[in-house]
Amino acid sequence: QVQLVESGGGLVQAGGSLRLSCAASGIIFSQNRMGWYRQIPGKQRELVATAYSYGMINYADSVKGRFTISRDNAKNTVYLQMNNLKPEDTAVYYCNARHQYTHGVEYWGKGTQVTVSS
């Protein structure tokens, strides 16, 4: 059974930092692209960052220079370090896993709330 469990969300002041973690189980972690997405009520879920097992990464333009995605394959965990947080970063952040080669079914965590106050 696939499980993606996010942690690390919370309330932070603008300009502050948070680190999100996603612990994955039930997948071959090294064969999956891991990612972070976020969703604001009334808006479609959007890409924040993705990290392939071989090192390629992608970031949304809105977070470039502020967020860093990383993964620890030995721990089956992906992280999102969020610095210089802005109120517009407020959202539910979801962990995502997708097989790198087959582009099969995507798996999602239940999400963790990040709230940035001004």
PDB file of N, CA and C in Angstrom:
ATOM      1  N   GLN A   1       0.837  -1.174   0.000  1.00  0.00           N
ATOM      2  CA  GLN A   1       0.000   0.000   0.000  1.00  0.00           C
ATOM      3  C   GLN A   1       0.887   1.244   0.000  1.00  0.00           C
ATOM      4  N   VAL A   2       0.650   2.120  -0.955  1.00  0.00           N
ATOM      5  CA  VAL A   2       1.456   3.314  -1.090  1.00  0.00           C
ATOM      6  C   VAL A   2       1.031   4.343  -0.052  1.00  0.00           C
ATOM      7  N   GLN A   3       2.007   4.903   0.604  1.00  0.00           N
ATOM      8  CA  GLN A   3       1.756   5.978   1.550  1.00  0.00           C
ATOM      9  C   GLN A   3       2.768   7.092   1.347  1.00  0.00           C
ATOM     10  N   LEU A   4       2.267   8.293   1.272  1.00  0.00           N
ATOM     11  CA  LEU A   4       3.089   9.491   1.264  1.00  0.00           C
ATOM     12  C   LEU A   4       2.607  10.347   2.420  1.00  0.00           C
ATOM     13  N   VAL A   5       3.470  10.574   3.371  1.00  0.00           N
ATOM     14  CA  VAL A   5       3.081  11.261   4.592  1.00  0.00           C
ATOM     15  C   VAL A   5       3.889  12.535   4.730  1.00  0.00           C
ATOM     16  N   GLU A   6       3.194  13.661   4.623  1.00  0.00           N
ATOM     17  CA  GLU A   6       3.840  14.956   4.739  1.00  0.00           C
ATOM     18  C   GLU A   6       3.896  15.415   6.191  1.00  0.00           C
ATOM     19  N   SER A   7       4.882  16.214   6.477  1.00  0.00           N
ATOM     20  CA  SER A   7       4.991  16.842   7.776  1.00  0.00           C
ATOM     21  C   SER A   7       5.773  18.139   7.627  1.00  0.00           C
ATOM     22  N   GLY A   8       5.698  18.965   8.633  1.00  0.00           N
ATOM     23  CA  GLY A   8       6.494  20.176   8.665  1.00  0.00           C
ATOM     24  C   GLY A   8       5.751  21.460   8.381  1.00  0.00           C
ATOM     25  N   GLY A   9       4.493  21.360   8.019  1.00  0.00           N
ATOM     26  CA  GLY A   9       3.726  22.562   7.784  1.00  0.00           C
ATOM     27  C   GLY A   9       3.423  23.287   9.073  1.00  0.00           C
ATOM     28  N   GLY A  10       2.916  24.488   8.921  1.00  0.00           N
ATOM     29  CA  GLY A  10       2.584  25.270  10.085  1.00  0.00           C
ATOM     30  C   GLY A  10       2.387  26.722   9.744  1.00  0.00           C
ATOM     31  N   LEU A  11       2.400  27.527  10.770  1.00  0.00           N
ATOM     32  CA  LEU A  11       2.218  28.968  10.639  1.00  0.00           C
ATOM     33  C   LEU A  11       3.561  29.660  10.801  1.00  0.00           C
ATOM     34  N   VAL A  12       3.856  30.555   9.885  1.00  0.00           N
ATOM     35  CA  VAL A  12       5.126  31.265   9.919  1.00  0.00           C
ATOM     36  C   VAL A  12       4.911  32.697   9.451  1.00  0.00           C
ATOM     37  N   GLN A  13       5.734  33.583   9.951  1.00  0.00           N
ATOM     38  CA  GLN A  13       5.694  34.973   9.520  1.00  0.00           C
ATOM     39  C   GLN A  13       6.323  35.129   8.144  1.00  0.00           C
ATOM     40  N   ALA A  14       5.856  36.115   7.403  1.00  0.00           N
ATOM     41  CA  ALA A  14       6.482  36.424   6.127  1.00  0.00           C
ATOM     42  C   ALA A  14       7.979  36.643   6.314  1.00  0.00           C
ATOM     43  N   GLY A  15       8.741  36.073   5.397  1.00  0.00           N
ATOM     44  CA  GLY A  15      10.182  36.138   5.498  1.00  0.00           C
ATOM     45  C   GLY A  15      10.804  34.975   6.233  1.00  0.00           C
ATOM     46  N   GLY A  16       9.984  34.180   6.870  1.00  0.00           N
ATOM     47  CA  GLY A  16      10.474  33.040   7.615  1.00  0.00           C
ATOM     48  C   GLY A  16      10.662  31.816   6.752  1.00  0.00           C
ATOM     49  N   SER A  17      10.966  30.714   7.409  1.00  0.00           N
ATOM     50  CA  SER A  17      11.285  29.476   6.714  1.00  0.00           C
ATOM     51  C   SER A  17      10.559  28.292   7.330  1.00  0.00           C
ATOM     52  N   LEU A  18      10.316  27.307   6.501  1.00  0.00           N
ATOM     53  CA  LEU A  18       9.802  26.021   6.930  1.00  0.00           C
ATOM     54  C   LEU A  18      10.459  24.943   6.091  1.00  0.00           C
ATOM     55  N   ARG A  19      10.553  23.765   6.652  1.00  0.00           N
ATOM     56  CA  ARG A  19      10.996  22.612   5.885  1.00  0.00           C
ATOM     57  C   ARG A  19       9.934  21.535   5.934  1.00  0.00           C
ATOM     58  N   LEU A  20       9.446  21.171   4.770  1.00  0.00           N
ATOM     59  CA  LEU A  20       8.485  20.094   4.658  1.00  0.00           C
ATOM     60  C   LEU A  20       9.200  18.782   4.383  1.00  0.00           C
ATOM     61  N   SER A  21       8.646  17.721   4.914  1.00  0.00           N
ATOM     62  CA  SER A  21       9.171  16.387   4.673  1.00  0.00           C
ATOM     63  C   SER A  21       8.056  15.495   4.160  1.00  0.00           C
ATOM     64  N   CYS A  22       8.416  14.549   3.327  1.00  0.00           N
ATOM     65  CA  CYS A  22       7.476  13.556   2.835  1.00  0.00           C
ATOM     66  C   CYS A  22       8.142  12.199   2.904  1.00  0.00           C
ATOM     67  N   ALA A  23       7.602  11.345   3.728  1.00  0.00           N
ATOM     68  CA  ALA A  23       8.102   9.991   3.867  1.00  0.00           C
ATOM     69  C   ALA A  23       7.261   9.060   3.012  1.00  0.00           C
ATOM     70  N   ALA A  24       7.912   8.349   2.118  1.00  0.00           N
ATOM     71  CA  ALA A  24       7.226   7.487   1.169  1.00  0.00           C
ATOM     72  C   ALA A  24       7.430   6.020   1.528  1.00  0.00           C
ATOM     73  N   SER A  25       6.397   5.253   1.329  1.00  0.00           N
ATOM     74  CA  SER A  25       6.485   3.807   1.482  1.00  0.00           C
ATOM     75  C   SER A  25       5.592   3.151   0.444  1.00  0.00           C
ATOM     76  N   GLY A  26       5.888   1.905   0.132  1.00  0.00           N
ATOM     77  CA  GLY A  26       5.085   1.178  -0.830  1.00  0.00           C
ATOM     78  C   GLY A  26       5.427   1.443  -2.280  1.00  0.00           C
ATOM     79  N   ILE A  27       6.467   2.223  -2.533  1.00  0.00           N
ATOM     80  CA  ILE A  27       6.940   2.476  -3.881  1.00  0.00           C
ATOM     81  C   ILE A  27       8.429   2.207  -3.943  1.00  0.00           C
ATOM     82  N   ILE A  28       8.916   1.977  -5.149  1.00  0.00           N
ATOM     83  CA  ILE A  28      10.359   1.910  -5.342  1.00  0.00           C
ATOM     84  C   ILE A  28      10.825   3.346  -5.500  1.00  0.00           C
ATOM     85  N   PHE A  29      11.293   3.899  -4.407  1.00  0.00           N
ATOM     86  CA  PHE A  29      11.558   5.322  -4.340  1.00  0.00           C
ATOM     87  C   PHE A  29      12.536   5.780  -5.419  1.00  0.00           C
ATOM     88  N   SER A  30      13.546   4.988  -5.667  1.00  0.00           N
ATOM     89  CA  SER A  30      14.579   5.364  -6.622  1.00  0.00           C
ATOM     90  C   SER A  30      14.089   5.378  -8.065  1.00  0.00           C
ATOM     91  N   GLN A  31      12.912   4.852  -8.325  1.00  0.00           N
ATOM     92  CA  GLN A  31      12.354   4.843  -9.666  1.00  0.00           C
ATOM     93  C   GLN A  31      11.270   5.895  -9.854  1.00  0.00           C
ATOM     94  N   ASN A  32      11.054   6.707  -8.853  1.00  0.00           N
ATOM     95  CA  ASN A  32       9.976   7.682  -8.891  1.00  0.00           C
ATOM     96  C   ASN A  32      10.481   9.108  -8.857  1.00  0.00           C
ATOM     97  N   ARG A  33       9.860   9.917  -9.694  1.00  0.00           N
ATOM     98  CA  ARG A  33      10.010  11.347  -9.533  1.00  0.00           C
ATOM     99  C   ARG A  33       9.189  11.774  -8.327  1.00  0.00           C
ATOM    100  N   MET A  34       9.815  12.513  -7.445  1.00  0.00           N
ATOM    101  CA  MET A  34       9.124  13.031  -6.283  1.00  0.00           C
ATOM    102  C   MET A  34       8.879  14.520  -6.480  1.00  0.00           C
ATOM    103  N   GLY A  35       7.787  14.977  -5.922  1.00  0.00           N
ATOM    104  CA  GLY A  35       7.480  16.381  -6.107  1.00  0.00           C
ATOM    105  C   GLY A  35       6.620  16.949  -5.013  1.00  0.00           C
ATOM    106  N   TRP A  36       6.568  18.258  -5.030  1.00  0.00           N
ATOM    107  CA  TRP A  36       5.692  19.011  -4.157  1.00  0.00           C
ATOM    108  C   TRP A  36       4.771  19.868  -5.007  1.00  0.00           C
ATOM    109  N   TYR A  37       3.515  19.811  -4.680  1.00  0.00           N
ATOM    110  CA  TYR A  37       2.499  20.645  -5.296  1.00  0.00           C
ATOM    111  C   TYR A  37       1.778  21.398  -4.186  1.00  0.00           C
ATOM    112  N   ARG A  38       1.061  22.418  -4.578  1.00  0.00           N
ATOM    113  CA  ARG A  38       0.280  23.140  -3.588  1.00  0.00           C
ATOM    114  C   ARG A  38      -1.051  23.555  -4.185  1.00  0.00           C
ATOM    115  N   GLN A  39      -2.004  23.777  -3.299  1.00  0.00           N
ATOM    116  CA  GLN A  39      -3.334  24.139  -3.742  1.00  0.00           C
ATOM    117  C   GLN A  39      -3.940  25.171  -2.806  1.00  0.00           C
ATOM    118  N   ILE A  40      -4.455  26.220  -3.415  1.00  0.00           N
ATOM    119  CA  ILE A  40      -5.197  27.252  -2.719  1.00  0.00           C
ATOM    120  C   ILE A  40      -6.669  27.052  -3.060  1.00  0.00           C
ATOM    121  N   PRO A  41      -7.562  27.225  -2.086  1.00  0.00           N
ATOM    122  CA  PRO A  41      -8.985  27.056  -2.383  1.00  0.00           C
ATOM    123  C   PRO A  41      -9.417  27.878  -3.592  1.00  0.00           C
ATOM    124  N   GLY A  42     -10.145  27.244  -4.495  1.00  0.00           N
ATOM    125  CA  GLY A  42     -10.610  27.906  -5.698  1.00  0.00           C
ATOM    126  C   GLY A  42      -9.628  27.888  -6.846  1.00  0.00           C
ATOM    127  N   LYS A  43      -8.452  27.344  -6.629  1.00  0.00           N
ATOM    128  CA  LYS A  43      -7.450  27.274  -7.672  1.00  0.00           C
ATOM    129  C   LYS A  43      -7.020  25.830  -7.878  1.00  0.00           C
ATOM    130  N   GLN A  44      -6.524  25.561  -9.073  1.00  0.00           N
ATOM    131  CA  GLN A  44      -6.044  24.228  -9.388  1.00  0.00           C
ATOM    132  C   GLN A  44      -4.721  23.968  -8.685  1.00  0.00           C
ATOM    133  N   ARG A  45      -4.533  22.736  -8.321  1.00  0.00           N
ATOM    134  CA  ARG A  45      -3.265  22.322  -7.749  1.00  0.00           C
ATOM    135  C   ARG A  45      -2.133  22.659  -8.707  1.00  0.00           C
ATOM    136  N   GLU A  46      -1.060  23.204  -8.196  1.00  0.00           N
ATOM    137  CA  GLU A  46       0.028  23.635  -9.042  1.00  0.00           C
ATOM    138  C   GLU A  46       1.354  23.050  -8.589  1.00  0.00           C
ATOM    139  N   LEU A  47       2.217  22.870  -9.554  1.00  0.00           N
ATOM    140  CA  LEU A  47       3.564  22.386  -9.287  1.00  0.00           C
ATOM    141  C   LEU A  47       4.353  23.402  -8.481  1.00  0.00           C
ATOM    142  N   VAL A  48       5.041  22.926  -7.488  1.00  0.00           N
ATOM    143  CA  VAL A  48       6.003  23.737  -6.754  1.00  0.00           C
ATOM    144  C   VAL A  48       7.419  23.334  -7.150  1.00  0.00           C
ATOM    145  N   ALA A  49       7.714  22.058  -7.037  1.00  0.00           N
ATOM    146  CA  ALA A  49       9.043  21.567  -7.357  1.00  0.00           C
ATOM    147  C   ALA A  49       8.994  20.067  -7.558  1.00  0.00           C
ATOM    148  N   THR A  50       9.867  19.565  -8.416  1.00  0.00           N
ATOM    149  CA  THR A  50      10.008  18.126  -8.607  1.00  0.00           C
ATOM    150  C   THR A  50      11.480  17.761  -8.617  1.00  0.00           C
ATOM    151  N   ALA A  51      11.752  16.538  -8.243  1.00  0.00           N
ATOM    152  CA  ALA A  51      13.123  16.039  -8.203  1.00  0.00           C
ATOM    153  C   ALA A  51      13.156  14.609  -8.697  1.00  0.00           C
ATOM    154  N   TYR A  52      13.896  14.392  -9.781  1.00  0.00           N
ATOM    155  CA  TYR A  52      14.107  13.052 -10.286  1.00  0.00           C
ATOM    156  C   TYR A  52      15.243  12.384  -9.530  1.00  0.00           C
ATOM    157  N   SER A  53      15.240  11.079  -9.565  1.00  0.00           N
ATOM    158  CA  SER A  53      16.237  10.340  -8.806  1.00  0.00           C
ATOM    159  C   SER A  53      17.650  10.590  -9.306  1.00  0.00           C
ATOM    160  N   TYR A  54      17.798  10.936 -10.586  1.00  0.00           N
ATOM    161  CA  TYR A  54      19.116  11.154 -11.162  1.00  0.00           C
ATOM    162  C   TYR A  54      19.603  12.589 -11.018  1.00  0.00           C
ATOM    163  N   GLY A  55      18.792  13.448 -10.399  1.00  0.00           N
ATOM    164  CA  GLY A  55      19.255  14.780 -10.073  1.00  0.00           C
ATOM    165  C   GLY A  55      18.550  15.938 -10.726  1.00  0.00           C
ATOM    166  N   MET A  56      17.811  15.706 -11.783  1.00  0.00           N
ATOM    167  CA  MET A  56      17.105  16.799 -12.447  1.00  0.00           C
ATOM    168  C   MET A  56      16.012  17.336 -11.539  1.00  0.00           C
ATOM    169  N   ILE A  57      15.886  18.643 -11.503  1.00  0.00           N
ATOM    170  CA  ILE A  57      14.865  19.285 -10.700  1.00  0.00           C
ATOM    171  C   ILE A  57      14.120  20.323 -11.524  1.00  0.00           C
ATOM    172  N   ASN A  58      12.924  20.618 -11.082  1.00  0.00           N
ATOM    173  CA  ASN A  58      12.113  21.668 -11.676  1.00  0.00           C
ATOM    174  C   ASN A  58      11.483  22.486 -10.564  1.00  0.00           C
ATOM    175  N   TYR A  59      11.358  23.780 -10.800  1.00  0.00           N
ATOM    176  CA  TYR A  59      10.701  24.667  -9.865  1.00  0.00           C
ATOM    177  C   TYR A  59       9.695  25.548 -10.581  1.00  0.00           C
ATOM    178  N   ALA A  60       8.635  25.853  -9.886  1.00  0.00           N
ATOM    179  CA  ALA A  60       7.761  26.905 -10.365  1.00  0.00           C
ATOM    180  C   ALA A  60       8.501  28.232 -10.318  1.00  0.00           C
ATOM    181  N   ASP A  61       8.219  29.089 -11.287  1.00  0.00           N
ATOM    182  CA  ASP A  61       8.883  30.386 -11.315  1.00  0.00           C
ATOM    183  C   ASP A  61       8.678  31.164 -10.020  1.00  0.00           C
ATOM    184  N   SER A  62       7.533  30.996  -9.419  1.00  0.00           N
ATOM    185  CA  SER A  62       7.196  31.762  -8.235  1.00  0.00           C
ATOM    186  C   SER A  62       8.039  31.406  -7.012  1.00  0.00           C
ATOM    187  N   VAL A  63       8.705  30.259  -7.051  1.00  0.00           N
ATOM    188  CA  VAL A  63       9.481  29.838  -5.888  1.00  0.00           C
ATOM    189  C   VAL A  63      10.968  29.733  -6.171  1.00  0.00           C
ATOM    190  N   LYS A  64      11.380  29.946  -7.400  1.00  0.00           N
ATOM    191  CA  LYS A  64      12.797  29.859  -7.736  1.00  0.00           C
ATOM    192  C   LYS A  64      13.609  30.840  -6.904  1.00  0.00           C
ATOM    193  N   GLY A  65      14.695  30.342  -6.376  1.00  0.00           N
ATOM    194  CA  GLY A  65      15.545  31.163  -5.538  1.00  0.00           C
ATOM    195  C   GLY A  65      15.146  31.180  -4.086  1.00  0.00           C
ATOM    196  N   ARG A  66      13.983  30.654  -3.778  1.00  0.00           N
ATOM    197  CA  ARG A  66      13.502  30.642  -2.400  1.00  0.00           C
ATOM    198  C   ARG A  66      13.326  29.238  -1.845  1.00  0.00           C
ATOM    199  N   PHE A  67      12.874  28.317  -2.690  1.00  0.00           N
ATOM    200  CA  PHE A  67      12.609  26.954  -2.255  1.00  0.00           C
ATOM    201  C   PHE A  67      13.665  26.014  -2.816  1.00  0.00           C
ATOM    202  N   THR A  68      13.949  24.976  -2.074  1.00  0.00           N
ATOM    203  CA  THR A  68      14.875  23.954  -2.520  1.00  0.00           C
ATOM    204  C   THR A  68      14.285  22.584  -2.244  1.00  0.00           C
ATOM    205  N   ILE A  69      14.201  21.774  -3.284  1.00  0.00           N
ATOM    206  CA  ILE A  69      13.752  20.404  -3.118  1.00  0.00           C
ATOM    207  C   ILE A  69      14.968  19.494  -3.049  1.00  0.00           C
ATOM    208  N   SER A  70      14.890  18.507  -2.209  1.00  0.00           N
ATOM    209  CA  SER A  70      15.956  17.531  -2.104  1.00  0.00           C
ATOM    210  C   SER A  70      15.354  16.186  -1.732  1.00  0.00           C
ATOM    211  N   ARG A  71      16.117  15.154  -1.948  1.00  0.00           N
ATOM    212  CA  ARG A  71      15.625  13.830  -1.617  1.00  0.00           C
ATOM    213  C   ARG A  71      16.735  12.988  -1.030  1.00  0.00           C
ATOM    214  N   ASP A  72      16.341  12.135  -0.136  1.00  0.00           N
ATOM    215  CA  ASP A  72      17.244  11.184   0.480  1.00  0.00           C
ATOM    216  C   ASP A  72      16.725   9.805   0.115  1.00  0.00           C
ATOM    217  N   ASN A  73      17.336   9.215  -0.892  1.00  0.00           N
ATOM    218  CA  ASN A  73      16.842   7.931  -1.387  1.00  0.00           C
ATOM    219  C   ASN A  73      16.975   6.818  -0.353  1.00  0.00           C
ATOM    220  N   ALA A  74      17.983   6.924   0.491  1.00  0.00           N
ATOM    221  CA  ALA A  74      18.167   5.915   1.524  1.00  0.00           C
ATOM    222  C   ALA A  74      17.056   5.950   2.556  1.00  0.00           C
ATOM    223  N   LYS A  75      16.449   7.114   2.734  1.00  0.00           N
ATOM    224  CA  LYS A  75      15.382   7.281   3.707  1.00  0.00           C
ATOM    225  C   LYS A  75      14.005   7.333   3.065  1.00  0.00           C
ATOM    226  N   ASN A  76      13.953   7.211   1.744  1.00  0.00           N
ATOM    227  CA  ASN A  76      12.681   7.312   1.021  1.00  0.00           C
ATOM    228  C   ASN A  76      11.928   8.579   1.405  1.00  0.00           C
ATOM    229  N   THR A  77      12.656   9.658   1.451  1.00  0.00           N
ATOM    230  CA  THR A  77      12.095  10.918   1.917  1.00  0.00           C
ATOM    231  C   THR A  77      12.481  12.051   0.975  1.00  0.00           C
ATOM    232  N   VAL A  78      11.529  12.915   0.715  1.00  0.00           N
ATOM    233  CA  VAL A  78      11.773  14.116  -0.063  1.00  0.00           C
ATOM    234  C   VAL A  78      11.463  15.322   0.813  1.00  0.00           C
ATOM    235  N   TYR A  79      12.236  16.370   0.641  1.00  0.00           N
ATOM    236  CA  TYR A  79      12.109  17.560   1.457  1.00  0.00           C
ATOM    237  C   TYR A  79      11.844  18.776   0.587  1.00  0.00           C
ATOM    238  N   LEU A  80      11.253  19.761   1.189  1.00  0.00           N
ATOM    239  CA  LEU A  80      11.112  21.060   0.554  1.00  0.00           C
ATOM    240  C   LEU A  80      11.498  22.118   1.574  1.00  0.00           C
ATOM    241  N   GLN A  81      12.658  22.703   1.366  1.00  0.00           N
ATOM    242  CA  GLN A  81      13.099  23.803   2.206  1.00  0.00           C
ATOM    243  C   GLN A  81      12.534  25.088   1.634  1.00  0.00           C
ATOM    244  N   MET A  82      11.762  25.786   2.418  1.00  0.00           N
ATOM    245  CA  MET A  82      11.090  26.996   1.972  1.00  0.00           C
ATOM    246  C   MET A  82      11.625  28.176   2.762  1.00  0.00           C
ATOM    247  N   ASN A  83      12.291  29.069   2.067  1.00  0.00           N
ATOM    248  CA  ASN A  83      12.853  30.265   2.675  1.00  0.00           C
ATOM    249  C   ASN A  83      12.164  31.497   2.118  1.00  0.00           C
ATOM    250  N   ASN A  84      12.306  32.581   2.842  1.00  0.00           N
ATOM    251  CA  ASN A  84      11.721  33.858   2.415  1.00  0.00           C
ATOM    252  C   ASN A  84      10.258  33.708   2.050  1.00  0.00           C
ATOM    253  N   LEU A  85       9.532  33.074   2.922  1.00  0.00           N
ATOM    254  CA  LEU A  85       8.136  32.781   2.645  1.00  0.00           C
ATOM    255  C   LEU A  85       7.313  34.060   2.532  1.00  0.00           C
ATOM    256  N   LYS A  86       6.352  33.998   1.631  1.00  0.00           N
ATOM    257  CA  LYS A  86       5.458  35.108   1.366  1.00  0.00           C
ATOM    258  C   LYS A  86       4.022  34.691   1.671  1.00  0.00           C
ATOM    259  N   PRO A  87       3.155  35.651   1.968  1.00  0.00           N
ATOM    260  CA  PRO A  87       1.753  35.288   2.205  1.00  0.00           C
ATOM    261  C   PRO A  87       1.137  34.503   1.055  1.00  0.00           C
ATOM    262  N   GLU A  88       1.540  34.784  -0.166  1.00  0.00           N
ATOM    263  CA  GLU A  88       0.996  34.066  -1.311  1.00  0.00           C
ATOM    264  C   GLU A  88       1.462  32.614  -1.402  1.00  0.00           C
ATOM    265  N   ASP A  89       2.392  32.228  -0.548  1.00  0.00           N
ATOM    266  CA  ASP A  89       2.780  30.824  -0.456  1.00  0.00           C
ATOM    267  C   ASP A  89       1.806  30.009   0.380  1.00  0.00           C
ATOM    268  N   THR A  90       0.879  30.681   1.030  1.00  0.00           N
ATOM    269  CA  THR A  90      -0.095  29.990   1.857  1.00  0.00           C
ATOM    270  C   THR A  90      -0.911  29.022   1.008  1.00  0.00           C
ATOM    271  N   ALA A  91      -0.917  27.767   1.406  1.00  0.00           N
ATOM    272  CA  ALA A  91      -1.598  26.729   0.644  1.00  0.00           C
ATOM    273  C   ALA A  91      -1.476  25.413   1.389  1.00  0.00           C
ATOM    274  N   VAL A  92      -2.202  24.433   0.899  1.00  0.00           N
ATOM    275  CA  VAL A  92      -1.963  23.068   1.319  1.00  0.00           C
ATOM    276  C   VAL A  92      -0.917  22.481   0.376  1.00  0.00           C
ATOM    277  N   TYR A  93       0.125  21.955   0.945  1.00  0.00           N
ATOM    278  CA  TYR A  93       1.220  21.391   0.162  1.00  0.00           C
ATOM    279  C   TYR A  93       1.115  19.878   0.149  1.00  0.00           C
ATOM    280  N   TYR A  94       1.201  19.318  -1.048  1.00  0.00           N
ATOM    281  CA  TYR A  94       1.031  17.888  -1.245  1.00  0.00           C
ATOM    282  C   TYR A  94       2.297  17.251  -1.789  1.00  0.00           C
ATOM    283  N   CYS A  95       2.617  16.128  -1.249  1.00  0.00           N
ATOM    284  CA  CYS A  95       3.695  15.311  -1.769  1.00  0.00           C
ATOM    285  C   CYS A  95       3.175  14.451  -2.907  1.00  0.00           C
ATOM    286  N   ASN A  96       4.006  14.267  -3.916  1.00  0.00           N
ATOM    287  CA  ASN A  96       3.618  13.533  -5.110  1.00  0.00           C
ATOM    288  C   ASN A  96       4.720  12.562  -5.513  1.00  0.00           C
ATOM    289  N   ALA A  97       4.318  11.406  -5.990  1.00  0.00           N
ATOM    290  CA  ALA A  97       5.249  10.429  -6.538  1.00  0.00           C
ATOM    291  C   ALA A  97       4.735   9.936  -7.877  1.00  0.00           C
ATOM    292  N   ARG A  98       5.625   9.863  -8.860  1.00  0.00           N
ATOM    293  CA  ARG A  98       5.274   9.370 -10.186  1.00  0.00           C
ATOM    294  C   ARG A  98       6.438   8.597 -10.745  1.00  0.00           C
ATOM    295  N   HIS A  99       6.160   7.425 -11.280  1.00  0.00           N
ATOM    296  CA  HIS A  99       7.224   6.616 -11.846  1.00  0.00           C
ATOM    297  C   HIS A  99       7.916   7.373 -12.977  1.00  0.00           C
ATOM    298  N   GLN A 100       9.218   7.417 -12.930  1.00  0.00           N
ATOM    299  CA  GLN A 100       9.980   8.218 -13.871  1.00  0.00           C
ATOM    300  C   GLN A 100       9.900   7.707 -15.297  1.00  0.00           C
ATOM    301  N   TYR A 101       9.730   6.426 -15.472  1.00  0.00           N
ATOM    302  CA  TYR A 101       9.855   5.831 -16.794  1.00  0.00           C
ATOM    303  C   TYR A 101       8.530   5.419 -17.415  1.00  0.00           C
ATOM    304  N   THR A 102       7.627   4.942 -16.629  1.00  0.00           N
ATOM    305  CA  THR A 102       6.331   4.530 -17.151  1.00  0.00           C
ATOM    306  C   THR A 102       5.297   5.648 -17.110  1.00  0.00           C
ATOM    307  N   HIS A 103       5.532   6.667 -16.331  1.00  0.00           N
ATOM    308  CA  HIS A 103       4.549   7.733 -16.108  1.00  0.00           C
ATOM    309  C   HIS A 103       3.202   7.147 -15.734  1.00  0.00           C
ATOM    310  N   GLY A 104       3.259   6.192 -14.843  1.00  0.00           N
ATOM    311  CA  GLY A 104       2.050   5.532 -14.393  1.00  0.00           C
ATOM    312  C   GLY A 104       1.259   6.366 -13.406  1.00  0.00           C
ATOM    313  N   VAL A 105       0.495   5.672 -12.599  1.00  0.00           N
ATOM    314  CA  VAL A 105      -0.362   6.334 -11.625  1.00  0.00           C
ATOM    315  C   VAL A 105       0.455   7.205 -10.687  1.00  0.00           C
ATOM    316  N   GLU A 106      -0.043   8.381 -10.464  1.00  0.00           N
ATOM    317  CA  GLU A 106       0.565   9.278  -9.487  1.00  0.00           C
ATOM    318  C   GLU A 106      -0.041   9.038  -8.116  1.00  0.00           C
ATOM    319  N   TYR A 107       0.786   9.180  -7.106  1.00  0.00           N
ATOM    320  CA  TYR A 107       0.341   9.036  -5.731  1.00  0.00           C
ATOM    321  C   TYR A 107       0.487  10.358  -5.013  1.00  0.00           C
ATOM    322  N   TRP A 108      -0.417  10.573  -4.094  1.00  0.00           N
ATOM    323  CA  TRP A 108      -0.480  11.841  -3.382  1.00  0.00           C
ATOM    324  C   TRP A 108      -0.578  11.631  -1.891  1.00  0.00           C
ATOM    325  N   GLY A 109       0.085  12.497  -1.163  1.00  0.00           N
ATOM    326  CA  GLY A 109      -0.130  12.561   0.262  1.00  0.00           C
ATOM    327  C   GLY A 109      -1.408  13.307   0.575  1.00  0.00           C
ATOM    328  N   LYS A 110      -1.730  13.362   1.840  1.00  0.00           N
ATOM    329  CA  LYS A 110      -2.951  14.037   2.262  1.00  0.00           C
ATOM    330  C   LYS A 110      -2.783  15.540   2.413  1.00  0.00           C
ATOM    331  N   GLY A 111      -1.562  15.997   2.395  1.00  0.00           N
ATOM    332  CA  GLY A 111      -1.291  17.415   2.425  1.00  0.00           C
ATOM    333  C   GLY A 111      -0.948  17.935   3.803  1.00  0.00           C
ATOM    334  N   THR A 112      -0.227  19.024   3.810  1.00  0.00           N
ATOM    335  CA  THR A 112       0.099  19.722   5.044  1.00  0.00           C
ATOM    336  C   THR A 112      -0.093  21.219   4.814  1.00  0.00           C
ATOM    337  N   GLN A 113      -0.723  21.855   5.766  1.00  0.00           N
ATOM    338  CA  GLN A 113      -1.060  23.264   5.624  1.00  0.00           C
ATOM    339  C   GLN A 113       0.141  24.142   5.932  1.00  0.00           C
ATOM    340  N   VAL A 114       0.400  25.077   5.040  1.00  0.00           N
ATOM    341  CA  VAL A 114       1.397  26.114   5.260  1.00  0.00           C
ATOM    342  C   VAL A 114       0.679  27.454   5.230  1.00  0.00           C
ATOM    343  N   THR A 115       0.803  28.197   6.297  1.00  0.00           N
ATOM    344  CA  THR A 115       0.175  29.506   6.383  1.00  0.00           C
ATOM    345  C   THR A 115       1.243  30.545   6.689  1.00  0.00           C
ATOM    346  N   VAL A 116       1.314  31.538   5.835  1.00  0.00           N
ATOM    347  CA  VAL A 116       2.304  32.597   5.983  1.00  0.00           C
ATOM    348  C   VAL A 116       1.562  33.890   6.275  1.00  0.00           C
ATOM    349  N   SER A 117       1.825  34.452   7.408  1.00  0.00           N
ATOM    350  CA  SER A 117       1.159  35.680   7.812  1.00  0.00           C
ATOM    351  C   SER A 117       2.006  36.886   7.450  1.00  0.00           C
ATOM    352  N   SER A 118       1.330  37.994   7.206  1.00  0.00           N
ATOM    353  CA  SER A 118       2.018  39.231   6.871  1.00  0.00           C
ATOM    354  C   SER A 118       2.259  40.093   8.091  1.00  0.00           C
TER     355      SER A 118
END
